[in-house]
C-alpha atoms as a PDB file:
ATOM      1  CA  UNK A   1      -0.217  -0.072   0.056  1.00  0.00           C
ATOM      2  CA  UNK A   2       1.454   3.609  -0.941  1.00  0.00           C
ATOM      3  CA  UNK A   3       2.402   6.003   1.796  1.00  0.00           C
ATOM      4  CA  UNK A   4       0.084   8.344   3.014  1.00  0.00           C
ATOM      5  CA  UNK A   5       0.346  12.358   1.719  1.00  0.00           C
ATOM      6  CA  UNK A   6      -0.373  14.608   4.002  1.00  0.00           C
ATOM      7  CA  UNK A   7      -1.602  17.916   4.382  1.00  0.00           C
ATOM      8  CA  UNK A   8      -0.492  20.161   7.054  1.00  0.00           C
ATOM      9  CA  UNK A   9      -2.752  23.434   7.846  1.00  0.00           C
ATOM     10  CA  UNK A  10      -1.118  26.723   9.457  1.00  0.00           C
ATOM     11  CA  UNK A  11      -4.171  28.741  10.862  1.00  0.00           C
ATOM     12  CA  UNK A  12      -4.873  31.387  13.124  1.00  0.00           C
ATOM     13  CA  UNK A  13      -8.057  32.229  14.718  1.00  0.00           C
ATOM     14  CA  UNK A  14     -10.392  31.018  12.236  1.00  0.00           C
ATOM     15  CA  UNK A  15     -13.419  28.537  13.498  1.00  0.00           C
ATOM     16  CA  UNK A  16     -15.535  27.633  10.630  1.00  0.00           C
ATOM     17  CA  UNK A  17     -13.300  27.096   7.726  1.00  0.00           C
ATOM     18  CA  UNK A  18     -10.547  24.888   9.110  1.00  0.00           C
ATOM     19  CA  UNK A  19     -12.274  21.778  10.675  1.00  0.00           C
ATOM     20  CA  UNK A  20     -14.702  21.596   7.639  1.00  0.00           C
ATOM     21  CA  UNK A  21     -11.605  21.428   5.515  1.00  0.00           C
ATOM     22  CA  UNK A  22     -10.599  18.911   7.521  1.00  0.00           C
ATOM     23  CA  UNK A  23     -13.627  16.543   7.671  1.00  0.00           C
ATOM     24  CA  UNK A  24     -13.919  17.290   3.530  1.00  0.00           C
ATOM     25  CA  UNK A  25     -10.083  16.118   2.749  1.00  0.00           C
ATOM     26  CA  UNK A  26     -10.387  12.845   5.002  1.00  0.00           C
ATOM     27  CA  UNK A  27     -13.502  11.496   4.066  1.00  0.00           C
ATOM     28  CA  UNK A  28     -12.628  11.732   0.095  1.00  0.00           C
ATOM     29  CA  UNK A  29     -10.568   8.615   1.015  1.00  0.00           C
ATOM     30  CA  UNK A  30      -8.006   9.413  -1.934  1.00  0.00           C
ATOM     31  CA  UNK A  31      -4.550   8.430   0.068  1.00  0.00           C
ATOM     32  CA  UNK A  32      -4.404  12.253   1.436  1.00  0.00           C
ATOM     33  CA  UNK A  33      -4.716  13.155   5.356  1.00  0.00           C
ATOM     34  CA  UNK A  34      -5.561  16.493   6.035  1.00  0.00           C
ATOM     35  CA  UNK A  35      -4.363  17.596   9.988  1.00  0.00           C
ATOM     36  CA  UNK A  36      -2.903  20.746  11.825  1.00  0.00           C
ATOM     37  CA  UNK A  37       0.513  21.270  11.203  1.00  0.00           C
ATOM     38  CA  UNK A  38       3.020  21.176  13.882  1.00  0.00           C
ATOM     39  CA  UNK A  39       5.841  23.779  13.843  1.00  0.00           C
ATOM     40  CA  UNK A  40       8.647  24.831  16.328  1.00  0.00           C
ATOM     41  CA  UNK A  41      12.250  24.152  17.202  1.00  0.00           C
ATOM     42  CA  UNK A  42      12.688  22.487  13.193  1.00  0.00           C
ATOM     43  CA  UNK A  43      16.275  22.507  11.818  1.00  0.00           C
ATOM     44  CA  UNK A  44      17.310  24.080   8.663  1.00  0.00           C
ATOM     45  CA  UNK A  45      18.307  19.978   7.847  1.00  0.00           C
ATOM     46  CA  UNK A  46      15.497  18.381   9.311  1.00  0.00           C
ATOM     47  CA  UNK A  47      12.694  16.812   6.891  1.00  0.00           C
ATOM     48  CA  UNK A  48       9.192  18.255   6.243  1.00  0.00           C
ATOM     49  CA  UNK A  49       6.991  15.832   6.984  1.00  0.00           C
ATOM     50  CA  UNK A  50       4.290  17.204   4.579  1.00  0.00           C
ATOM     51  CA  UNK A  51       3.065  17.282   0.917  1.00  0.00           C
ATOM     52  CA  UNK A  52       1.559  20.320   0.928  1.00  0.00           C
ATOM     53  CA  UNK A  53       0.952  23.164   4.074  1.00  0.00           C
ATOM     54  CA  UNK A  54      -1.611  25.747   3.673  1.00  0.00           C
ATOM     55  CA  UNK A  55      -0.535  29.153   4.964  1.00  0.00           C
ATOM     56  CA  UNK A  56      -3.211  31.155   6.525  1.00  0.00           C
ATOM     57  CA  UNK A  57      -1.677  32.873   8.963  1.00  0.00           C
ATOM     58  CA  UNK A  58       2.362  33.761   8.223  1.00  0.00           C
ATOM     59  CA  UNK A  59       1.757  36.995   8.296  1.00  0.00           C
ATOM     60  CA  UNK A  60       1.259  37.634  11.749  1.00  0.00           C
ATOM     61  CA  UNK A  61       3.428  34.927  12.389  1.00  0.00           C
ATOM     62  CA  UNK A  62       7.084  35.543  10.769  1.00  0.00           C
ATOM     63  CA  UNK A  63       9.032  31.936  11.849  1.00  0.00           C
ATOM     64  CA  UNK A  64       5.928  30.297  10.526  1.00  0.00           C
ATOM     65  CA  UNK A  65       7.140  32.013   6.520  1.00  0.00           C
ATOM     66  CA  UNK A  66      10.758  31.185   7.377  1.00  0.00           C
ATOM     67  CA  UNK A  67       9.906  27.427   7.761  1.00  0.00           C
ATOM     68  CA  UNK A  68       7.055  27.863   4.902  1.00  0.00           C
ATOM     69  CA  UNK A  69      10.606  28.891   2.712  1.00  0.00           C
ATOM     70  CA  UNK A  70      12.886  26.040   3.585  1.00  0.00           C
ATOM     71  CA  UNK A  71       9.462  23.563   2.590  1.00  0.00           C
ATOM     72  CA  UNK A  72       9.357  24.787  -0.733  1.00  0.00           C
ATOM     73  CA  UNK A  73      13.305  24.647  -1.161  1.00  0.00           C
ATOM     74  CA  UNK A  74      12.863  21.050  -0.087  1.00  0.00           C
ATOM     75  CA  UNK A  75      10.522  20.446  -2.836  1.00  0.00           C
ATOM     76  CA  UNK A  76       7.387  20.706  -0.980  1.00  0.00           C
ATOM     77  CA  UNK A  77       4.147  22.864  -2.226  1.00  0.00           C
ATOM     78  CA  UNK A  78       3.396  25.675  -0.441  1.00  0.00           C
ATOM     79  CA  UNK A  79      -0.631  27.468  -0.996  1.00  0.00           C
ATOM     80  CA  UNK A  80       0.796  30.140  -1.252  1.00  0.00           C
ATOM     81  CA  UNK A  81       4.718  30.522  -2.458  1.00  0.00           C
ATOM     82  CA  UNK A  82       5.900  32.248   0.705  1.00  0.00           C
ATOM     83  CA  UNK A  83       8.682  33.771  -1.715  1.00  0.00           C
ATOM     84  CA  UNK A  84       5.689  35.633  -3.735  1.00  0.00           C
ATOM     85  CA  UNK A  85       3.616  37.109  -0.329  1.00  0.00           C
ATOM     86  CA  UNK A  86       6.583  37.945   1.165  1.00  0.00           C
ATOM     87  CA  UNK A  87       6.758  40.328  -2.201  1.00  0.00           C
ATOM     88  CA  UNK A  88       3.232  41.282  -2.004  1.00  0.00           C
ATOM     89  CA  UNK A  89       2.617  45.295  -1.781  1.00  0.00           C
ATOM     90  CA  UNK A  90       0.125  47.104  -3.896  1.00  0.00           C
ATOM     91  CA  UNK A  91       2.317  49.748  -5.662  1.00  0.00           C
ATOM     92  CA  UNK A  92       3.568  46.417  -7.063  1.00  0.00           C
ATOM     93  CA  UNK A  93       0.182  45.313  -7.678  1.00  0.00           C
ATOM     94  CA  UNK A  94      -1.047  48.085  -9.493  1.00  0.00           C
ATOM     95  CA  UNK A  95       1.567  47.635 -12.161  1.00  0.00           C
ATOM     96  CA  UNK A  96       1.799  44.130 -12.150  1.00  0.00           C
ATOM     97  CA  UNK A  97      -1.982  44.777 -13.299  1.00  0.00           C
ATOM     98  CA  UNK A  98      -1.141  47.021 -15.906  1.00  0.00           C
ATOM     99  CA  UNK A  99       1.648  45.119 -17.578  1.00  0.00           C
ATOM    100  CA  UNK A 100      -0.551  42.004 -17.837  1.00  0.00           C
ATOM    101  CA  UNK A 101      -3.548  44.216 -19.061  1.00  0.00           C
ATOM    102  CA  UNK A 102      -5.954  44.763 -16.866  1.00  0.00           C
ATOM    103  CA  UNK A 103      -7.216  47.792 -15.340  1.00  0.00           C
ATOM    104  CA  UNK A 104      -6.028  49.840 -12.512  1.00  0.00           C
ATOM    105  CA  UNK A 105      -6.920  52.650 -11.054  1.00  0.00           C
ATOM    106  CA  UNK A 106      -4.167  55.402 -11.847  1.00  0.00           C
ATOM    107  CA  UNK A 107      -1.892  55.020  -7.992  1.00  0.00           C
ATOM    108  CA  UNK A 108       1.079  56.630  -6.549  1.00  0.00           C
ATOM    109  CA  UNK A 109       3.569  55.550  -4.005  1.00  0.00           C
ATOM    110  CA  UNK A 110       4.110  58.037  -1.193  1.00  0.00           C
ATOM    111  CA  UNK A 111       7.482  57.974   0.970  1.00  0.00           C
ATOM    112  CA  UNK A 112       7.029  56.778   4.959  1.00  0.00           C
ATOM    113  CA  UNK A 113       6.068  59.943   7.135  1.00  0.00           C
ATOM    114  CA  UNK A 114       7.922  58.531   9.647  1.00  0.00           C
ATOM    115  CA  UNK A 115      11.061  56.240   9.864  1.00  0.00           C
ATOM    116  CA  UNK A 116      12.598  53.867  12.408  1.00  0.00           C
ATOM    117  CA  UNK A 117      15.073  55.363  14.797  1.00  0.00           C
ATOM    118  CA  UNK A 118      18.471  55.622  13.476  1.00  0.00           C
ATOM    119  CA  UNK A 119      17.168  56.979   9.845  1.00  0.00           C
ATOM    120  CA  UNK A 120      18.626  60.643   9.655  1.00  0.00           C
ATOM    121  CA  UNK A 121      16.585  62.169   7.605  1.00  0.00           C
ATOM    122  CA  UNK A 122      19.444  65.039   5.944  1.00  0.00           C
ATOM    123  CA  UNK A 123      21.709  61.995   5.728  1.00  0.00           C
ATOM    124  CA  UNK A 124      19.909  58.939   5.090  1.00  0.00           C
ATOM    125  CA  UNK A 125      17.106  60.058   2.618  1.00  0.00           C
ATOM    126  CA  UNK A 126      19.418  61.383   0.131  1.00  0.00           C
ATOM    127  CA  UNK A 127      17.838  60.063  -2.894  1.00  0.00           C
ATOM    128  CA  UNK A 128      14.309  61.380  -1.675  1.00  0.00           C
ATOM    129  CA  UNK A 129      12.296  63.362  -3.741  1.00  0.00           C
ATOM    130  CA  UNK A 130      10.650  66.117  -1.073  1.00  0.00           C
ATOM    131  CA  UNK A 131       8.233  67.402   0.381  1.00  0.00           C
ATOM    132  CA  UNK A 132       6.035  65.834  -2.414  1.00  0.00           C
ATOM    133  CA  UNK A 133       3.842  68.268  -5.036  1.00  0.00           C
ATOM    134  CA  UNK A 134       1.029  67.135  -3.605  1.00  0.00           C
ATOM    135  CA  UNK A 135      -1.425  69.004  -6.361  1.00  0.00           C
ATOM    136  CA  UNK A 136       0.337  67.065  -8.992  1.00  0.00           C
ATOM    137  CA  UNK A 137      -0.220  63.917  -7.363  1.00  0.00           C
ATOM    138  CA  UNK A 138      -4.125  64.869  -7.144  1.00  0.00           C
ATOM    139  CA  UNK A 139      -4.554  66.550 -10.377  1.00  0.00           C
ATOM    140  CA  UNK A 140      -3.088  63.270 -11.523  1.00  0.00           C
ATOM    141  CA  UNK A 141      -5.060  60.415  -9.530  1.00  0.00           C
ATOM    142  CA  UNK A 142      -8.135  62.508  -9.298  1.00  0.00           C
ATOM    143  CA  UNK A 143     -10.092  63.222  -5.873  1.00  0.00           C
ATOM    144  CA  UNK A 144     -12.325  62.056  -4.221  1.00  0.00           C
ATOM    145  CA  UNK A 145      -9.288  59.434  -3.746  1.00  0.00           C
ATOM    146  CA  UNK A 146      -7.553  56.360  -1.747  1.00  0.00           C
ATOM    147  CA  UNK A 147      -5.045  56.721   0.699  1.00  0.00           C
ATOM    148  CA  UNK A 148      -4.286  53.428   2.197  1.00  0.00           C
ATOM    149  CA  UNK A 149      -1.282  51.364   2.879  1.00  0.00           C
ATOM    150  CA  UNK A 150       0.516  49.629   0.533  1.00  0.00           C
ATOM    151  CA  UNK A 151       0.805  46.659   2.702  1.00  0.00           C
ATOM    152  CA  UNK A 152      -2.419  46.299   4.425  1.00  0.00           C
ATOM    153  CA  UNK A 153      -5.117  44.488   4.511  1.00  0.00           C
ATOM    154  CA  UNK A 154      -8.918  43.832   5.795  1.00  0.00           C
ATOM    155  CA  UNK A 155      -9.939  47.092   5.628  1.00  0.00           C
ATOM    156  CA  UNK A 156      -7.307  48.503   8.053  1.00  0.00           C
ATOM    157  CA  UNK A 157      -6.002  51.863   7.391  1.00  0.00           C
ATOM    158  CA  UNK A 158      -8.357  53.040   4.416  1.00  0.00           C
ATOM    159  CA  UNK A 159      -8.836  56.427   3.928  1.00  0.00           C
ATOM    160  CA  UNK A 160     -11.511  57.824   1.262  1.00  0.00           C
ATOM    161  CA  UNK A 161     -10.676  61.635   0.920  1.00  0.00           C
ATOM    162  CA  UNK A 162     -12.566  64.476  -0.374  1.00  0.00           C
ATOM    163  CA  UNK A 163      -9.718  67.297  -0.485  1.00  0.00           C
ATOM    164  CA  UNK A 164      -6.264  67.771  -0.644  1.00  0.00           C
ATOM    165  CA  UNK A 165      -6.540  68.850   3.023  1.00  0.00           C
ATOM    166  CA  UNK A 166      -7.994  65.696   4.385  1.00  0.00           C
ATOM    167  CA  UNK A 167      -5.382  63.315   1.932  1.00  0.00           C
ATOM    168  CA  UNK A 168      -2.539  65.192   3.756  1.00  0.00           C
ATOM    169  CA  UNK A 169      -3.952  65.209   7.415  1.00  0.00           C
ATOM    170  CA  UNK A 170      -4.556  61.514   7.025  1.00  0.00           C
ATOM    171  CA  UNK A 171      -1.425  60.824   5.548  1.00  0.00           C
ATOM    172  CA  UNK A 172       0.595  63.071   8.207  1.00  0.00           C
ATOM    173  CA  UNK A 173      -1.152  59.849  10.720  1.00  0.00           C
ATOM    174  CA  UNK A 174       0.438  56.889   8.806  1.00  0.00           C
ATOM    175  CA  UNK A 175       3.555  56.847  10.907  1.00  0.00           C
ATOM    176  CA  UNK A 176       5.787  53.993   9.771  1.00  0.00           C
ATOM    177  CA  UNK A 177       3.356  52.518   6.867  1.00  0.00           C
ATOM    178  CA  UNK A 178       4.049  52.977   3.778  1.00  0.00           C
ATOM    179  CA  UNK A 179       0.757  54.502   1.867  1.00  0.00           C
ATOM    180  CA  UNK A 180      -0.336  54.535  -1.803  1.00  0.00           C
ATOM    181  CA  UNK A 181      -2.723  57.030  -2.919  1.00  0.00           C
ATOM    182  CA  UNK A 182      -5.268  55.668  -6.017  1.00  0.00           C
ATOM    183  CA  UNK A 183      -7.529  57.294  -8.018  1.00  0.00           C
ATOM    184  CA  UNK A 184     -11.189  56.095  -6.836  1.00  0.00           C
ATOM    185  CA  UNK A 185     -13.640  54.582  -8.959  1.00  0.00           C
ATOM    186  CA  UNK A 186     -17.367  55.369  -8.328  1.00  0.00           C
ATOM    187  CA  UNK A 187     -18.495  51.650  -8.948  1.00  0.00           C
ATOM    188  CA  UNK A 188     -21.709  50.880 -10.694  1.00  0.00           C
ATOM    189  CA  UNK A 189     -21.075  47.011  -9.485  1.00  0.00           C
ATOM    190  CA  UNK A 190     -18.644  45.433  -6.940  1.00  0.00           C
ATOM    191  CA  UNK A 191     -17.208  41.600  -7.577  1.00  0.00           C
ATOM    192  CA  UNK A 192     -15.111  39.736  -5.161  1.00  0.00           C
ATOM    193  CA  UNK A 193     -13.854  36.824  -7.122  1.00  0.00           C
ATOM    194  CA  UNK A 194     -12.719  34.125  -4.194  1.00  0.00           C
ATOM    195  CA  UNK A 195      -9.918  32.253  -6.613  1.00  0.00           C
ATOM    196  CA  UNK A 196      -8.301  29.056  -5.962  1.00  0.00           C
ATOM    197  CA  UNK A 197      -5.721  27.305  -8.140  1.00  0.00           C
ATOM    198  CA  UNK A 198      -5.133  30.119  -9.963  1.00  0.00           C
ATOM    199  CA  UNK A 199      -8.128  28.808 -12.658  1.00  0.00           C
ATOM    200  CA  UNK A 200     -11.363  28.072 -10.224  1.00  0.00           C
ATOM    201  CA  UNK A 201     -12.693  31.765 -10.212  1.00  0.00           C
ATOM    202  CA  UNK A 202     -15.848  32.564  -8.454  1.00  0.00           C
ATOM    203  CA  UNK A 203     -17.258  35.747  -8.554  1.00  0.00           C
ATOM    204  CA  UNK A 204     -19.445  37.435  -6.215  1.00  0.00           C
ATOM    205  CA  UNK A 205     -21.132  40.557  -5.921  1.00  0.00           C
ATOM    206  CA  UNK A 206     -20.057  42.392  -2.517  1.00  0.00           C
ATOM    207  CA  UNK A 207     -21.494  45.324  -0.806  1.00  0.00           C
ATOM    208  CA  UNK A 208     -17.755  46.977   0.288  1.00  0.00           C
ATOM    209  CA  UNK A 209     -19.569  49.491   2.478  1.00  0.00           C
ATOM    210  CA  UNK A 210     -21.406  46.708   4.463  1.00  0.00           C
ATOM    211  CA  UNK A 211     -18.131  44.151   3.899  1.00  0.00           C
ATOM    212  CA  UNK A 212     -21.263  41.446   2.852  1.00  0.00           C
ATOM    213  CA  UNK A 213     -21.616  38.598   0.022  1.00  0.00           C
ATOM    214  CA  UNK A 214     -24.786  38.522  -1.886  1.00  0.00           C
ATOM    215  CA  UNK A 215     -25.781  35.329  -4.015  1.00  0.00           C
ATOM    216  CA  UNK A 216     -27.056  36.742  -7.042  1.00  0.00           C
ATOM    217  CA  UNK A 217     -25.894  34.384  -9.884  1.00  0.00           C
ATOM    218  CA  UNK A 218     -27.632  37.340 -12.859  1.00  0.00           C
ATOM    219  CA  UNK A 219     -25.371  40.006 -11.211  1.00  0.00           C
ATOM    220  CA  UNK A 220     -23.092  40.266 -13.875  1.00  0.00           C
ATOM    221  CA  UNK A 221     -24.010  39.470 -17.394  1.00  0.00           C
ATOM    222  CA  UNK A 222     -22.323  36.573 -19.342  1.00  0.00           C
ATOM    223  CA  UNK A 223     -20.340  39.076 -21.122  1.00  0.00           C
ATOM    224  CA  UNK A 224     -18.734  40.730 -17.659  1.00  0.00           C
ATOM    225  CA  UNK A 225     -18.477  37.635 -15.559  1.00  0.00           C
ATOM    226  CA  UNK A 226     -15.922  36.403 -18.453  1.00  0.00           C
ATOM    227  CA  UNK A 227     -13.857  39.302 -18.770  1.00  0.00           C
ATOM    228  CA  UNK A 228     -13.939  39.551 -14.547  1.00  0.00           C
ATOM    229  CA  UNK A 229     -12.969  35.746 -14.182  1.00  0.00           C
ATOM    230  CA  UNK A 230     -10.208  35.806 -17.009  1.00  0.00           C
ATOM    231  CA  UNK A 231      -8.633  39.143 -15.308  1.00  0.00           C
ATOM    232  CA  UNK A 232      -8.446  36.791 -11.676  1.00  0.00           C
ATOM    233  CA  UNK A 233      -7.020  33.922 -13.559  1.00  0.00           C
ATOM    234  CA  UNK A 234      -4.225  36.372 -15.123  1.00  0.00           C
ATOM    235  CA  UNK A 235      -3.459  38.235 -11.725  1.00  0.00           C
ATOM    236  CA  UNK A 236      -2.980  35.041 -10.104  1.00  0.00           C
ATOM    237  CA  UNK A 237      -1.305  33.057 -12.919  1.00  0.00           C
ATOM    238  CA  UNK A 238       1.335  36.305 -12.503  1.00  0.00           C
ATOM    239  CA  UNK A 239       1.317  35.988  -8.948  1.00  0.00           C
ATOM    240  CA  UNK A 240       1.949  32.136  -8.360  1.00  0.00           C
ATOM    241  CA  UNK A 241      -1.201  32.675  -5.790  1.00  0.00           C
ATOM    242  CA  UNK A 242      -3.007  29.654  -5.635  1.00  0.00           C
ATOM    243  CA  UNK A 243      -5.600  30.810  -3.085  1.00  0.00           C
ATOM    244  CA  UNK A 244      -6.367  34.412  -3.433  1.00  0.00           C
ATOM    245  CA  UNK A 245      -9.476  37.195  -3.376  1.00  0.00           C
ATOM    246  CA  UNK A 246      -9.760  39.698  -6.141  1.00  0.00           C
ATOM    247  CA  UNK A 247     -11.818  42.670  -5.713  1.00  0.00           C
ATOM    248  CA  UNK A 248     -13.385  44.756  -9.044  1.00  0.00           C
ATOM    249  CA  UNK A 249     -15.101  47.552  -9.000  1.00  0.00           C
ATOM    250  CA  UNK A 250     -17.577  47.822 -12.417  1.00  0.00           C
ATOM    251  CA  UNK A 251     -17.596  50.944 -13.664  1.00  0.00           C
ATOM    252  CA  UNK A 252     -19.542  52.026 -17.509  1.00  0.00           C
ATOM    253  CA  UNK A 253     -18.934  48.054 -17.642  1.00  0.00           C
ATOM    254  CA  UNK A 254     -14.892  48.151 -17.088  1.00  0.00           C
ATOM    255  CA  UNK A 255     -13.814  46.305 -14.267  1.00  0.00           C
ATOM    256  CA  UNK A 256     -11.071  48.301 -12.326  1.00  0.00           C
ATOM    257  CA  UNK A 257      -8.765  45.733 -10.747  1.00  0.00           C
ATOM    258  CA  UNK A 258      -8.720  47.030  -6.990  1.00  0.00           C
ATOM    259  CA  UNK A 259      -7.167  44.637  -4.389  1.00  0.00           C
ATOM    260  CA  UNK A 260      -6.114  40.985  -5.696  1.00  0.00           C
ATOM    261  CA  UNK A 261      -3.255  40.091  -3.388  1.00  0.00           C
ATOM    262  CA  UNK A 262      -4.935  38.452  -0.621  1.00  0.00           C
ATOM    263  CA  UNK A 263      -2.822  35.364   0.245  1.00  0.00           C
ATOM    264  CA  UNK A 264      -5.136  34.562   2.996  1.00  0.00           C
ATOM    265  CA  UNK A 265      -8.985  35.411   1.838  1.00  0.00           C
ATOM    266  CA  UNK A 266     -11.758  35.757   4.386  1.00  0.00           C
ATOM    267  CA  UNK A 267     -13.268  32.334   3.942  1.00  0.00           C
ATOM    268  CA  UNK A 268     -15.662  32.714   7.495  1.00  0.00           C
ATOM    269  CA  UNK A 269     -19.141  30.752   6.886  1.00  0.00           C
ATOM    270  CA  UNK A 270     -20.527  34.095   8.206  1.00  0.00           C
ATOM    271  CA  UNK A 271     -18.568  36.284   5.521  1.00  0.00           C
ATOM    272  CA  UNK A 272     -19.260  34.153   2.919  1.00  0.00           C
ATOM    273  CA  UNK A 273     -22.815  32.858   3.243  1.00  0.00           C
ATOM    274  CA  UNK A 274     -23.230  28.965   3.517  1.00  0.00           C
ATOM    275  CA  UNK A 275     -23.829  28.673  -0.209  1.00  0.00           C
ATOM    276  CA  UNK A 276     -20.231  30.218  -0.936  1.00  0.00           C
ATOM    277  CA  UNK A 277     -18.787  28.367   2.309  1.00  0.00           C
ATOM    278  CA  UNK A 278     -19.836  25.254   0.978  1.00  0.00           C
ATOM    279  CA  UNK A 279     -18.159  26.096  -2.387  1.00  0.00           C
ATOM    280  CA  UNK A 280     -14.463  26.815  -0.907  1.00  0.00           C
ATOM    281  CA  UNK A 281     -14.483  24.099   1.721  1.00  0.00           C
ATOM    282  CA  UNK A 282     -14.920  21.453  -1.629  1.00  0.00           C
ATOM    283  CA  UNK A 283     -12.833  23.685  -4.353  1.00  0.00           C
ATOM    284  CA  UNK A 284      -9.736  24.248  -1.719  1.00  0.00           C
ATOM    285  CA  UNK A 285      -9.687  20.003  -0.611  1.00  0.00           C
ATOM    286  CA  UNK A 286     -10.091  19.716  -4.248  1.00  0.00           C
ATOM    287  CA  UNK A 287      -6.997  21.574  -4.673  1.00  0.00           C
ATOM    288  CA  UNK A 288      -5.044  20.623  -1.437  1.00  0.00           C
ATOM    289  CA  UNK A 289      -5.598  16.728  -2.665  1.00  0.00           C
ATOM    290  CA  UNK A 290      -4.473  17.746  -6.344  1.00  0.00           C
ATOM    291  CA  UNK A 291      -1.267  19.172  -4.931  1.00  0.00           C
ATOM    292  CA  UNK A 292      -0.537  16.284  -2.808  1.00  0.00           C
ATOM    293  CA  UNK A 293      -0.895  13.603  -5.492  1.00  0.00           C
ATOM    294  CA  UNK A 294       0.624  15.404  -8.350  1.00  0.00           C
ATOM    295  CA  UNK A 295       3.317  17.784  -7.074  1.00  0.00           C
ATOM    296  CA  UNK A 296       4.339  20.721  -8.696  1.00  0.00           C
ATOM    297  CA  UNK A 297       7.394  22.245  -7.210  1.00  0.00           C
ATOM    298  CA  UNK A 298       7.234  25.827  -6.658  1.00  0.00           C
ATOM    299  CA  UNK A 299      11.149  26.607  -7.145  1.00  0.00           C
ATOM    300  CA  UNK A 300      11.093  26.094 -10.767  1.00  0.00           C
ATOM    301  CA  UNK A 301       8.671  29.492 -10.487  1.00  0.00           C
ATOM    302  CA  UNK A 302      11.476  31.629  -9.283  1.00  0.00           C
ATOM    303  CA  UNK A 303      13.825  33.295 -11.239  1.00  0.00           C
ATOM    304  CA  UNK A 304      16.984  31.925  -8.902  1.00  0.00           C
ATOM    305  CA  UNK A 305      15.840  28.244  -9.053  1.00  0.00           C
ATOM    306  CA  UNK A 306      19.001  27.794 -11.431  1.00  0.00           C
ATOM    307  CA  UNK A 307      21.235  28.019  -8.320  1.00  0.00           C
ATOM    308  CA  UNK A 308      19.546  24.672  -7.499  1.00  0.00           C
ATOM    309  CA  UNK A 309      20.506  22.790 -10.764  1.00  0.00           C
END
């Protein structure tokens, strides 16, 4: 009898999705078992006992991220690839979206307002263009605009600014964060896609004000749905993300890629609704089992893979 393949899950405070995912994988009888991974005190040359690791929390627990990078070097599959996740920022994302043919809001990168101890502005920041030409930034981005953390998520540190004065005031309170200022798209429709395995895309009507999903299969025309699904696939393939959510603000029939670097998307049953929760449990189980039985070494995706032969 062949040895069972193991899927290790790394999670935080989630309560609804993890046990249902474990139950779904373990009930399939495919020669794959799923369990909560156990990490800590591991050596650099010790064996990684999991064929697949599903990462939901390493953005908040740095030790997990270091372990996942080792796992990739050892030929294991990490969902998502920790090297690409480490490159996550919204300015890069806006640039990437434009490069691959998606529509992105106009986006500007701002210097940090404050810096860690040891940075002497007159000596350490000699490459920095400052003060900023706020009028030129606003002229190109438009008003109202969005100010947000380039590395943030969960709608934290996001501000809708209706004047230059409001933009500067919120920027002055941003501290050590790296902020971007972005065109505000006055959308007609708003869609959040749950993306599994880069190609399995579920577009869902989403209300960003109430932060609520709606089950409405008629929300998008077939043409618009095809465009959004295609753009989400292009973004996930370019990023190498196998677990993601991608938001599109639709204005005059054009989907703007607003936020699409969410390596640990919300999978809570109360957020997704039971309808989409069931979908994501099954889709993630399909992905985990497939990656366990049909490994796709992630080193091949890295530009420095030649160093490893």
